[in-house]
PDB file of N, CA and C in Angstrom:
ATOM      1  N   MET A   1      -3.099 -42.016  -7.799  1.00  0.00           N
ATOM      2  CA  MET A   1      -2.295 -41.079  -6.984  1.00  0.00           C
ATOM      3  C   MET A   1      -3.662 -40.068  -7.243  1.00  0.00           C
ATOM      4  N   LEU A   2      -3.963 -40.336  -9.215  1.00  0.00           N
ATOM      5  CA  LEU A   2      -4.410 -38.950  -9.237  1.00  0.00           C
ATOM      6  C   LEU A   2      -5.927 -38.764  -7.847  1.00  0.00           C
ATOM      7  N   SER A   3      -6.675 -39.821  -9.064  1.00  0.00           N
ATOM      8  CA  SER A   3      -7.865 -40.153  -8.219  1.00  0.00           C
ATOM      9  C   SER A   3      -7.624 -40.041  -6.570  1.00  0.00           C
ATOM     10  N   GLU A   4      -6.539 -40.684  -5.534  1.00  0.00           N
ATOM     11  CA  GLU A   4      -6.465 -39.715  -4.219  1.00  0.00           C
ATOM     12  C   GLU A   4      -6.886 -38.554  -4.345  1.00  0.00           C
ATOM     13  N   VAL A   5      -5.466 -38.378  -5.155  1.00  0.00           N
ATOM     14  CA  VAL A   5      -5.354 -35.675  -5.096  1.00  0.00           C
ATOM     15  C   VAL A   5      -7.032 -35.687  -5.174  1.00  0.00           C
ATOM     16  N   LYS A   6      -7.128 -35.840  -6.434  1.00  0.00           N
ATOM     17  CA  LYS A   6      -9.049 -35.183  -6.528  1.00  0.00           C
ATOM     18  C   LYS A   6      -9.212 -35.397  -5.803  1.00  0.00           C
ATOM     19  N   ASN A   7      -8.993 -36.477  -4.694  1.00  0.00           N
ATOM     20  CA  ASN A   7     -10.596 -36.975  -3.744  1.00  0.00           C
ATOM     21  C   ASN A   7     -10.302 -35.876  -3.160  1.00  0.00           C
ATOM     22  N   VAL A   8      -9.283 -35.741  -2.387  1.00  0.00           N
ATOM     23  CA  VAL A   8      -8.740 -34.720  -1.148  1.00  0.00           C
ATOM     24  C   VAL A   8      -9.185 -32.678  -1.908  1.00  0.00           C
ATOM     25  N   ILE A   9      -8.882 -32.782  -2.856  1.00  0.00           N
ATOM     26  CA  ILE A   9      -9.432 -31.229  -4.224  1.00  0.00           C
ATOM     27  C   ILE A   9     -11.036 -30.900  -3.772  1.00  0.00           C
ATOM     28  N   ASN A  10     -11.760 -32.457  -3.413  1.00  0.00           N
ATOM     29  CA  ASN A  10     -12.592 -32.552  -3.689  1.00  0.00           C
ATOM     30  C   ASN A  10     -13.351 -32.150  -2.068  1.00  0.00           C
ATOM     31  N   GLU A  11     -12.449 -32.844  -1.271  1.00  0.00           N
ATOM     32  CA  GLU A  11     -12.503 -32.280   0.258  1.00  0.00           C
ATOM     33  C   GLU A  11     -12.203 -31.380   1.371  1.00  0.00           C
ATOM     34  N   ARG A  12     -11.091 -30.518   0.713  1.00  0.00           N
ATOM     35  CA  ARG A  12     -10.836 -28.926   0.463  1.00  0.00           C
ATOM     36  C   ARG A  12     -11.634 -27.991  -0.157  1.00  0.00           C
ATOM     37  N   ILE A  13     -12.399 -27.903  -1.356  1.00  0.00           N
ATOM     38  CA  ILE A  13     -13.385 -27.605  -1.613  1.00  0.00           C
ATOM     39  C   ILE A  13     -14.438 -27.777  -0.705  1.00  0.00           C
ATOM     40  N   GLN A  14     -15.074 -28.681  -0.211  1.00  0.00           N
ATOM     41  CA  GLN A  14     -16.368 -29.421   0.975  1.00  0.00           C
ATOM     42  C   GLN A  14     -15.867 -28.414   2.151  1.00  0.00           C
ATOM     43  N   THR A  15     -15.122 -27.960   2.809  1.00  0.00           N
ATOM     44  CA  THR A  15     -14.158 -27.867   3.706  1.00  0.00           C
ATOM     45  C   THR A  15     -14.861 -25.937   3.890  1.00  0.00           C
ATOM     46  N   ASN A  16     -15.393 -25.798   5.351  1.00  0.00           N
ATOM     47  CA  ASN A  16     -15.737 -24.714   5.308  1.00  0.00           C
ATOM     48  C   ASN A  16     -14.159 -23.675   6.015  1.00  0.00           C
ATOM     49  N   ASN A  17     -14.373 -22.809   5.082  1.00  0.00           N
ATOM     50  CA  ASN A  17     -13.140 -21.888   4.847  1.00  0.00           C
ATOM     51  C   ASN A  17     -12.982 -20.893   6.641  1.00  0.00           C
ATOM     52  N   GLU A  18     -13.717 -21.415   7.674  1.00  0.00           N
ATOM     53  CA  GLU A  18     -13.223 -21.447   8.787  1.00  0.00           C
ATOM     54  C   GLU A  18     -13.067 -22.708   9.443  1.00  0.00           C
ATOM     55  N   ASP A  19     -12.728 -23.767   8.543  1.00  0.00           N
ATOM     56  CA  ASP A  19     -12.660 -24.674   9.278  1.00  0.00           C
ATOM     57  C   ASP A  19     -11.337 -25.322   9.496  1.00  0.00           C
ATOM     58  N   ASP A  20     -10.099 -23.853  10.043  1.00  0.00           N
ATOM     59  CA  ASP A  20      -9.118 -24.196   9.655  1.00  0.00           C
ATOM     60  C   ASP A  20      -8.367 -25.516  10.474  1.00  0.00           C
ATOM     61  N   PHE A  21      -8.642 -26.446  11.294  1.00  0.00           N
ATOM     62  CA  PHE A  21      -8.347 -27.588  11.072  1.00  0.00           C
ATOM     63  C   PHE A  21      -8.352 -28.743   9.972  1.00  0.00           C
ATOM     64  N   ASN A  22      -9.534 -28.720   9.800  1.00  0.00           N
ATOM     65  CA  ASN A  22      -9.420 -29.757   8.603  1.00  0.00           C
ATOM     66  C   ASN A  22      -9.109 -29.012   6.951  1.00  0.00           C
ATOM     67  N   ILE A  23      -8.532 -27.731   7.075  1.00  0.00           N
ATOM     68  CA  ILE A  23      -8.089 -27.099   5.939  1.00  0.00           C
ATOM     69  C   ILE A  23      -6.237 -27.942   5.807  1.00  0.00           C
ATOM     70  N   GLU A  24      -6.088 -27.741   7.312  1.00  0.00           N
ATOM     71  CA  GLU A  24      -4.543 -27.696   7.738  1.00  0.00           C
ATOM     72  C   GLU A  24      -4.650 -29.348   7.278  1.00  0.00           C
ATOM     73  N   LYS A  25      -4.973 -30.617   7.699  1.00  0.00           N
ATOM     74  CA  LYS A  25      -5.666 -31.050   7.371  1.00  0.00           C
ATOM     75  C   LYS A  25      -5.465 -31.750   5.714  1.00  0.00           C
ATOM     76  N   CYS A  26      -6.545 -31.377   4.568  1.00  0.00           N
ATOM     77  CA  CYS A  26      -6.605 -31.134   3.895  1.00  0.00           C
ATOM     78  C   CYS A  26      -5.102 -31.202   2.397  1.00  0.00           C
ATOM     79  N   ARG A  27      -4.377 -29.765   3.325  1.00  0.00           N
ATOM     80  CA  ARG A  27      -3.031 -28.804   2.740  1.00  0.00           C
ATOM     81  C   ARG A  27      -1.584 -30.433   2.955  1.00  0.00           C
ATOM     82  N   ASN A  28      -1.925 -30.343   4.832  1.00  0.00           N
ATOM     83  CA  ASN A  28      -1.161 -31.675   4.420  1.00  0.00           C
ATOM     84  C   ASN A  28      -0.662 -33.263   3.817  1.00  0.00           C
ATOM     85  N   LYS A  29      -2.654 -33.791   3.459  1.00  0.00           N
ATOM     86  CA  LYS A  29      -2.249 -34.619   2.425  1.00  0.00           C
ATOM     87  C   LYS A  29      -2.024 -34.701   0.787  1.00  0.00           C
ATOM     88  N   LEU A  30      -2.644 -32.757   0.549  1.00  0.00           N
ATOM     89  CA  LEU A  30      -1.743 -32.802  -0.536  1.00  0.00           C
ATOM     90  C   LEU A  30      -0.084 -32.642  -0.868  1.00  0.00           C
ATOM     91  N   ILE A  31       0.471 -32.213   0.103  1.00  0.00           N
ATOM     92  CA  ILE A  31       2.010 -32.073   0.207  1.00  0.00           C
ATOM     93  C   ILE A  31       2.434 -33.708   0.926  1.00  0.00           C
ATOM     94  N   ASP A  32       1.764 -33.957   1.209  1.00  0.00           N
ATOM     95  CA  ASP A  32       2.341 -35.498   1.649  1.00  0.00           C
ATOM     96  C   ASP A  32       2.081 -35.985   0.045  1.00  0.00           C
ATOM     97  N   PHE A  33       0.859 -36.125  -0.661  1.00  0.00           N
ATOM     98  CA  PHE A  33       1.216 -37.315  -2.424  1.00  0.00           C
ATOM     99  C   PHE A  33       2.214 -36.558  -3.398  1.00  0.00           C
ATOM    100  N   LEU A  34       1.162 -34.501  -3.334  1.00  0.00           N
ATOM    101  CA  LEU A  34       2.668 -34.285  -4.386  1.00  0.00           C
ATOM    102  C   LEU A  34       4.448 -34.329  -4.091  1.00  0.00           C
ATOM    103  N   SER A  35       4.199 -34.606  -2.913  1.00  0.00           N
ATOM    104  CA  SER A  35       5.818 -34.027  -2.402  1.00  0.00           C
ATOM    105  C   SER A  35       6.732 -35.540  -2.523  1.00  0.00           C
ATOM    106  N   GLU A  36       6.448 -36.348  -3.258  1.00  0.00           N
ATOM    107  CA  GLU A  36       6.426 -37.913  -3.260  1.00  0.00           C
ATOM    108  C   GLU A  36       7.637 -37.950  -4.827  1.00  0.00           C
ATOM    109  N   ASN A  37       7.372 -37.724  -5.513  1.00  0.00           N
ATOM    110  CA  ASN A  37       7.527 -38.238  -7.200  1.00  0.00           C
ATOM    111  C   ASN A  37       7.360 -36.846  -7.550  1.00  0.00           C
ATOM    112  N   VAL A  38       8.995 -36.214  -7.853  1.00  0.00           N
ATOM    113  CA  VAL A  38       8.268 -35.182  -9.086  1.00  0.00           C
ATOM    114  C   VAL A  38       7.889 -35.252 -10.420  1.00  0.00           C
ATOM    115  N   LYS A  39       8.110 -36.313 -11.457  1.00  0.00           N
ATOM    116  CA  LYS A  39       7.345 -36.708 -12.454  1.00  0.00           C
ATOM    117  C   LYS A  39       5.665 -36.761 -11.787  1.00  0.00           C
ATOM    118  N   GLN A  40       5.737 -37.895 -11.203  1.00  0.00           N
ATOM    119  CA  GLN A  40       4.678 -38.000 -10.630  1.00  0.00           C
ATOM    120  C   GLN A  40       3.343 -36.955 -10.659  1.00  0.00           C
ATOM    121  N   THR A  41       4.024 -35.957 -10.012  1.00  0.00           N
ATOM    122  CA  THR A  41       3.675 -34.477  -9.348  1.00  0.00           C
ATOM    123  C   THR A  41       3.015 -33.444 -11.016  1.00  0.00           C
ATOM    124  N   ILE A  42       3.620 -33.666 -11.440  1.00  0.00           N
ATOM    125  CA  ILE A  42       4.033 -32.648 -12.315  1.00  0.00           C
ATOM    126  C   ILE A  42       2.319 -33.707 -13.267  1.00  0.00           C
ATOM    127  N   ASN A  43       2.714 -34.979 -13.609  1.00  0.00           N
ATOM    128  CA  ASN A  43       1.913 -35.800 -14.867  1.00  0.00           C
ATOM    129  C   ASN A  43       0.510 -35.498 -13.712  1.00  0.00           C
ATOM    130  N   ILE A  44       0.345 -35.550 -12.846  1.00  0.00           N
ATOM    131  CA  ILE A  44      -0.983 -34.763 -11.316  1.00  0.00           C
ATOM    132  C   ILE A  44      -1.528 -33.560 -11.931  1.00  0.00           C
ATOM    133  N   LEU A  45      -0.773 -32.992 -11.882  1.00  0.00           N
ATOM    134  CA  LEU A  45      -0.970 -31.113 -11.835  1.00  0.00           C
ATOM    135  C   LEU A  45      -1.324 -30.855 -13.043  1.00  0.00           C
ATOM    136  N   GLU A  46      -1.129 -31.642 -14.056  1.00  0.00           N
ATOM    137  CA  GLU A  46      -0.755 -31.345 -15.274  1.00  0.00           C
ATOM    138  C   GLU A  46      -2.392 -31.819 -16.477  1.00  0.00           C
ATOM    139  N   GLN A  47      -2.467 -32.485 -15.358  1.00  0.00           N
ATOM    140  CA  GLN A  47      -4.056 -33.247 -15.425  1.00  0.00           C
ATOM    141  C   GLN A  47      -5.098 -32.060 -15.071  1.00  0.00           C
ATOM    142  N   LEU A  48      -4.998 -31.635 -13.862  1.00  0.00           N
ATOM    143  CA  LEU A  48      -5.497 -30.749 -12.928  1.00  0.00           C
ATOM    144  C   LEU A  48      -6.795 -29.846 -14.042  1.00  0.00           C
ATOM    145  N   ASP A  49      -8.329 -29.084 -13.888  1.00  0.00           N
ATOM    146  CA  ASP A  49      -9.031 -28.575 -13.567  1.00  0.00           C
ATOM    147  C   ASP A  49      -8.510 -26.610 -13.215  1.00  0.00           C
ATOM    148  N   ALA A  50      -9.089 -25.851 -13.203  1.00  0.00           N
ATOM    149  CA  ALA A  50      -8.252 -24.493 -12.815  1.00  0.00           C
ATOM    150  C   ALA A  50      -8.587 -24.798 -11.959  1.00  0.00           C
ATOM    151  N   LYS A  51     -10.491 -24.960 -11.406  1.00  0.00           N
ATOM    152  CA  LYS A  51     -10.229 -24.640 -10.074  1.00  0.00           C
ATOM    153  C   LYS A  51      -9.193 -25.726  -9.207  1.00  0.00           C
ATOM    154  N   GLU A  52      -9.433 -26.844  -9.272  1.00  0.00           N
ATOM    155  CA  GLU A  52      -8.612 -27.608  -8.716  1.00  0.00           C
ATOM    156  C   GLU A  52      -7.580 -26.964  -8.148  1.00  0.00           C
ATOM    157  N   VAL A  53      -6.980 -26.554  -9.566  1.00  0.00           N
ATOM    158  CA  VAL A  53      -5.526 -26.307  -9.310  1.00  0.00           C
ATOM    159  C   VAL A  53      -4.564 -24.615  -8.221  1.00  0.00           C
ATOM    160  N   LEU A  54      -6.116 -24.216  -8.462  1.00  0.00           N
ATOM    161  CA  LEU A  54      -6.382 -23.224  -7.545  1.00  0.00           C
ATOM    162  C   LEU A  54      -6.520 -23.682  -5.621  1.00  0.00           C
ATOM    163  N   TYR A  55      -6.893 -24.527  -5.844  1.00  0.00           N
ATOM    164  CA  TYR A  55      -7.354 -25.253  -4.874  1.00  0.00           C
ATOM    165  C   TYR A  55      -5.859 -25.570  -4.106  1.00  0.00           C
ATOM    166  N   VAL A  56      -4.318 -26.288  -4.941  1.00  0.00           N
ATOM    167  CA  VAL A  56      -3.191 -27.360  -5.476  1.00  0.00           C
ATOM    168  C   VAL A  56      -2.114 -25.920  -4.811  1.00  0.00           C
ATOM    169  N   SER A  57      -2.784 -24.380  -5.144  1.00  0.00           N
ATOM    170  CA  SER A  57      -1.853 -23.608  -4.985  1.00  0.00           C
ATOM    171  C   SER A  57      -1.794 -23.590  -3.759  1.00  0.00           C
ATOM    172  N   GLU A  58      -2.845 -23.173  -2.756  1.00  0.00           N
ATOM    173  CA  GLU A  58      -2.503 -23.548  -1.852  1.00  0.00           C
ATOM    174  C   GLU A  58      -1.236 -23.932  -1.342  1.00  0.00           C
ATOM    175  N   VAL A  59      -0.458 -24.840  -1.366  1.00  0.00           N
ATOM    176  CA  VAL A  59       1.047 -26.119  -0.761  1.00  0.00           C
ATOM    177  C   VAL A  59       1.959 -25.517  -2.184  1.00  0.00           C
ATOM    178  N   PHE A  60       2.117 -24.878  -3.204  1.00  0.00           N
ATOM    179  CA  PHE A  60       2.514 -24.778  -4.252  1.00  0.00           C
ATOM    180  C   PHE A  60       3.889 -25.149  -3.683  1.00  0.00           C
ATOM    181  N   GLU A  61       4.138 -23.699  -2.672  1.00  0.00           N
ATOM    182  CA  GLU A  61       5.578 -23.638  -1.759  1.00  0.00           C
ATOM    183  C   GLU A  61       6.216 -24.879  -0.917  1.00  0.00           C
ATOM    184  N   GLU A  62       5.242 -25.139  -0.251  1.00  0.00           N
ATOM    185  CA  GLU A  62       5.668 -26.507   0.446  1.00  0.00           C
ATOM    186  C   GLU A  62       5.875 -27.607  -0.530  1.00  0.00           C
ATOM    187  N   ILE A  63       5.354 -27.524  -1.731  1.00  0.00           N
ATOM    188  CA  ILE A  63       5.555 -29.053  -2.458  1.00  0.00           C
ATOM    189  C   ILE A  63       7.669 -28.613  -2.848  1.00  0.00           C
ATOM    190  N   ALA A  64       7.411 -27.045  -3.442  1.00  0.00           N
ATOM    191  CA  ALA A  64       8.521 -26.968  -4.279  1.00  0.00           C
ATOM    192  C   ALA A  64       9.641 -27.297  -3.185  1.00  0.00           C
ATOM    193  N   TYR A  65       9.552 -26.641  -1.717  1.00  0.00           N
ATOM    194  CA  TYR A  65      10.541 -26.567  -0.965  1.00  0.00           C
ATOM    195  C   TYR A  65      10.480 -28.417  -0.496  1.00  0.00           C
ATOM    196  N   ASN A  66       9.990 -29.638  -0.682  1.00  0.00           N
ATOM    197  CA  ASN A  66       9.850 -30.349  -0.871  1.00  0.00           C
ATOM    198  C   ASN A  66      10.978 -30.985  -1.160  1.00  0.00           C
ATOM    199  N   LEU A  67      10.174 -30.610  -2.809  1.00  0.00           N
ATOM    200  CA  LEU A  67      10.679 -31.865  -4.222  1.00  0.00           C
ATOM    201  C   LEU A  67      12.372 -30.614  -4.590  1.00  0.00           C
ATOM    202  N   GLN A  68      11.915 -29.465  -4.453  1.00  0.00           N
ATOM    203  CA  GLN A  68      13.835 -29.286  -5.169  1.00  0.00           C
ATOM    204  C   GLN A  68      13.540 -29.142  -6.192  1.00  0.00           C
ATOM    205  N   SER A  69      13.001 -28.859  -6.489  1.00  0.00           N
ATOM    206  CA  SER A  69      13.024 -28.996  -8.965  1.00  0.00           C
ATOM    207  C   SER A  69      13.027 -27.879  -9.821  1.00  0.00           C
ATOM    208  N   THR A  70      13.217 -28.105 -10.537  1.00  0.00           N
ATOM    209  CA  THR A  70      13.551 -26.813 -11.514  1.00  0.00           C
ATOM    210  C   THR A  70      11.876 -27.489 -12.461  1.00  0.00           C
ATOM    211  N   GLU A  71      12.437 -28.381 -12.153  1.00  0.00           N
ATOM    212  CA  GLU A  71      11.030 -28.840 -13.404  1.00  0.00           C
ATOM    213  C   GLU A  71       9.466 -28.942 -12.825  1.00  0.00           C
ATOM    214  N   TYR A  72       9.386 -28.997 -11.679  1.00  0.00           N
ATOM    215  CA  TYR A  72       8.244 -28.533 -10.874  1.00  0.00           C
ATOM    216  C   TYR A  72       7.835 -26.741 -11.101  1.00  0.00           C
ATOM    217  N   ILE A  73       8.940 -26.466 -11.146  1.00  0.00           N
ATOM    218  CA  ILE A  73       8.472 -25.177 -11.367  1.00  0.00           C
ATOM    219  C   ILE A  73       8.085 -24.794 -12.442  1.00  0.00           C
ATOM    220  N   LYS A  74       9.072 -24.544 -13.479  1.00  0.00           N
ATOM    221  CA  LYS A  74       9.132 -24.730 -15.177  1.00  0.00           C
ATOM    222  C   LYS A  74       7.320 -25.832 -14.824  1.00  0.00           C
ATOM    223  N   CYS A  75       6.690 -26.304 -14.487  1.00  0.00           N
ATOM    224  CA  CYS A  75       6.189 -26.979 -14.414  1.00  0.00           C
ATOM    225  C   CYS A  75       3.958 -26.261 -13.880  1.00  0.00           C
ATOM    226  N   LEU A  76       4.689 -25.130 -12.951  1.00  0.00           N
ATOM    227  CA  LEU A  76       3.708 -24.354 -12.660  1.00  0.00           C
ATOM    228  C   LEU A  76       3.482 -22.784 -13.986  1.00  0.00           C
ATOM    229  N   ARG A  77       5.112 -23.234 -13.810  1.00  0.00           N
ATOM    230  CA  ARG A  77       4.825 -21.508 -15.063  1.00  0.00           C
ATOM    231  C   ARG A  77       3.697 -22.053 -16.398  1.00  0.00           C
ATOM    232  N   ASP A  78       3.799 -22.682 -16.703  1.00  0.00           N
ATOM    233  CA  ASP A  78       3.056 -24.226 -18.016  1.00  0.00           C
ATOM    234  C   ASP A  78       1.573 -23.917 -17.500  1.00  0.00           C
ATOM    235  N   ILE A  79       1.252 -24.398 -16.130  1.00  0.00           N
ATOM    236  CA  ILE A  79      -0.259 -24.268 -15.791  1.00  0.00           C
ATOM    237  C   ILE A  79      -0.225 -22.743 -15.185  1.00  0.00           C
ATOM    238  N   GLU A  80       0.577 -21.487 -15.199  1.00  0.00           N
ATOM    239  CA  GLU A  80      -0.340 -20.591 -15.016  1.00  0.00           C
ATOM    240  C   GLU A  80      -0.207 -20.316 -16.557  1.00  0.00           C
ATOM    241  N   LYS A  81       0.284 -20.478 -17.779  1.00  0.00           N
ATOM    242  CA  LYS A  81      -0.014 -20.059 -18.831  1.00  0.00           C
ATOM    243  C   LYS A  81      -0.941 -20.407 -18.996  1.00  0.00           C
ATOM    244  N   LYS A  82      -1.374 -21.848 -19.023  1.00  0.00           N
ATOM    245  CA  LYS A  82      -2.874 -23.186 -19.656  1.00  0.00           C
ATOM    246  C   LYS A  82      -3.636 -22.493 -19.227  1.00  0.00           C
ATOM    247  N   TYR A  83      -3.826 -21.676 -17.538  1.00  0.00           N
ATOM    248  CA  TYR A  83      -4.883 -21.224 -17.603  1.00  0.00           C
ATOM    249  C   TYR A  83      -4.416 -19.609 -16.276  1.00  0.00           C
ATOM    250  N   PRO A  84      -4.405 -18.404 -17.970  1.00  0.00           N
ATOM    251  CA  PRO A  84      -4.080 -17.197 -17.245  1.00  0.00           C
ATOM    252  C   PRO A  84      -5.276 -16.613 -16.431  1.00  0.00           C
ATOM    253  N   ASN A  85      -6.232 -17.441 -16.199  1.00  0.00           N
ATOM    254  CA  ASN A  85      -6.985 -16.237 -15.944  1.00  0.00           C
ATOM    255  C   ASN A  85      -7.685 -16.676 -14.051  1.00  0.00           C
ATOM    256  N   ILE A  86      -7.083 -17.682 -13.800  1.00  0.00           N
ATOM    257  CA  ILE A  86      -6.452 -17.896 -12.041  1.00  0.00           C
ATOM    258  C   ILE A  86      -4.891 -16.858 -11.798  1.00  0.00           C
ATOM    259  N   ASP A  87      -4.503 -16.059 -10.891  1.00  0.00           N
ATOM    260  CA  ASP A  87      -3.727 -15.570 -10.419  1.00  0.00           C
ATOM    261  C   ASP A  87      -3.160 -16.773  -9.339  1.00  0.00           C
ATOM    262  N   ILE A  88      -1.886 -17.182  -9.553  1.00  0.00           N
ATOM    263  CA  ILE A  88      -0.963 -18.150  -9.252  1.00  0.00           C
ATOM    264  C   ILE A  88       0.221 -17.609  -9.272  1.00  0.00           C
ATOM    265  N   SER A  89       0.724 -16.532  -9.555  1.00  0.00           N
ATOM    266  CA  SER A  89       1.645 -16.220  -9.892  1.00  0.00           C
ATOM    267  C   SER A  89       2.427 -15.842  -8.650  1.00  0.00           C
ATOM    268  N   ASP A  90       1.646 -14.905  -7.486  1.00  0.00           N
ATOM    269  CA  ASP A  90       2.715 -14.903  -6.577  1.00  0.00           C
ATOM    270  C   ASP A  90       3.327 -16.181  -5.729  1.00  0.00           C
ATOM    271  N   SER A  91       2.060 -17.392  -5.762  1.00  0.00           N
ATOM    272  CA  SER A  91       2.189 -18.869  -4.880  1.00  0.00           C
ATOM    273  C   SER A  91       3.658 -18.774  -5.535  1.00  0.00           C
ATOM    274  N   ILE A  92       3.357 -19.160  -7.415  1.00  0.00           N
ATOM    275  CA  ILE A  92       5.151 -19.649  -7.793  1.00  0.00           C
ATOM    276  C   ILE A  92       5.937 -19.325  -7.498  1.00  0.00           C
ATOM    277  N   GLU A  93       6.138 -17.587  -7.425  1.00  0.00           N
ATOM    278  CA  GLU A  93       7.104 -17.096  -6.808  1.00  0.00           C
ATOM    279  C   GLU A  93       8.205 -17.556  -5.600  1.00  0.00           C
ATOM    280  N   VAL A  94       7.186 -17.436  -4.782  1.00  0.00           N
ATOM    281  CA  VAL A  94       7.264 -18.213  -3.528  1.00  0.00           C
ATOM    282  C   VAL A  94       7.709 -19.568  -3.142  1.00  0.00           C
ATOM    283  N   ALA A  95       7.646 -19.885  -4.502  1.00  0.00           N
ATOM    284  CA  ALA A  95       7.438 -21.167  -4.679  1.00  0.00           C
ATOM    285  C   ALA A  95       9.366 -21.725  -5.428  1.00  0.00           C
ATOM    286  N   GLU A  96       9.126 -21.391  -5.836  1.00  0.00           N
ATOM    287  CA  GLU A  96      10.477 -20.415  -6.828  1.00  0.00           C
ATOM    288  C   GLU A  96      11.610 -20.052  -5.265  1.00  0.00           C
ATOM    289  N   GLU A  97      11.749 -19.290  -4.493  1.00  0.00           N
ATOM    290  CA  GLU A  97      12.237 -18.883  -3.453  1.00  0.00           C
ATOM    291  C   GLU A  97      12.721 -19.776  -3.253  1.00  0.00           C
ATOM    292  N   TYR A  98      11.914 -20.991  -2.303  1.00  0.00           N
ATOM    293  CA  TYR A  98      12.361 -22.119  -2.013  1.00  0.00           C
ATOM    294  C   TYR A  98      13.414 -23.136  -2.825  1.00  0.00           C
ATOM    295  N   ILE A  99      13.626 -22.885  -4.029  1.00  0.00           N
ATOM    296  CA  ILE A  99      14.496 -23.924  -3.864  1.00  0.00           C
ATOM    297  C   ILE A  99      15.956 -23.283  -4.356  1.00  0.00           C
TER     298      ILE A  99
END
């Protein structure tokens, strides 16, 4: 599953920021993969680098809504501490509101 998620992230990275259709396809794939199982999602997120986390942060809120898990939010806060140079705090705050 990690390799599948990384493939989607790489696809998203390579997608032109003006290509809304393909960006949305990538977002939906990430949401689907990362909304299946809380423990698996946490495991995957913990293995991503800062750039990958930044792209996944585009869908933190949707995943939070689907998972309804405080463990997931704790993982996001841990990632925020791990990579203090990327600003994902707003995405995390919105994700918290969905729980």
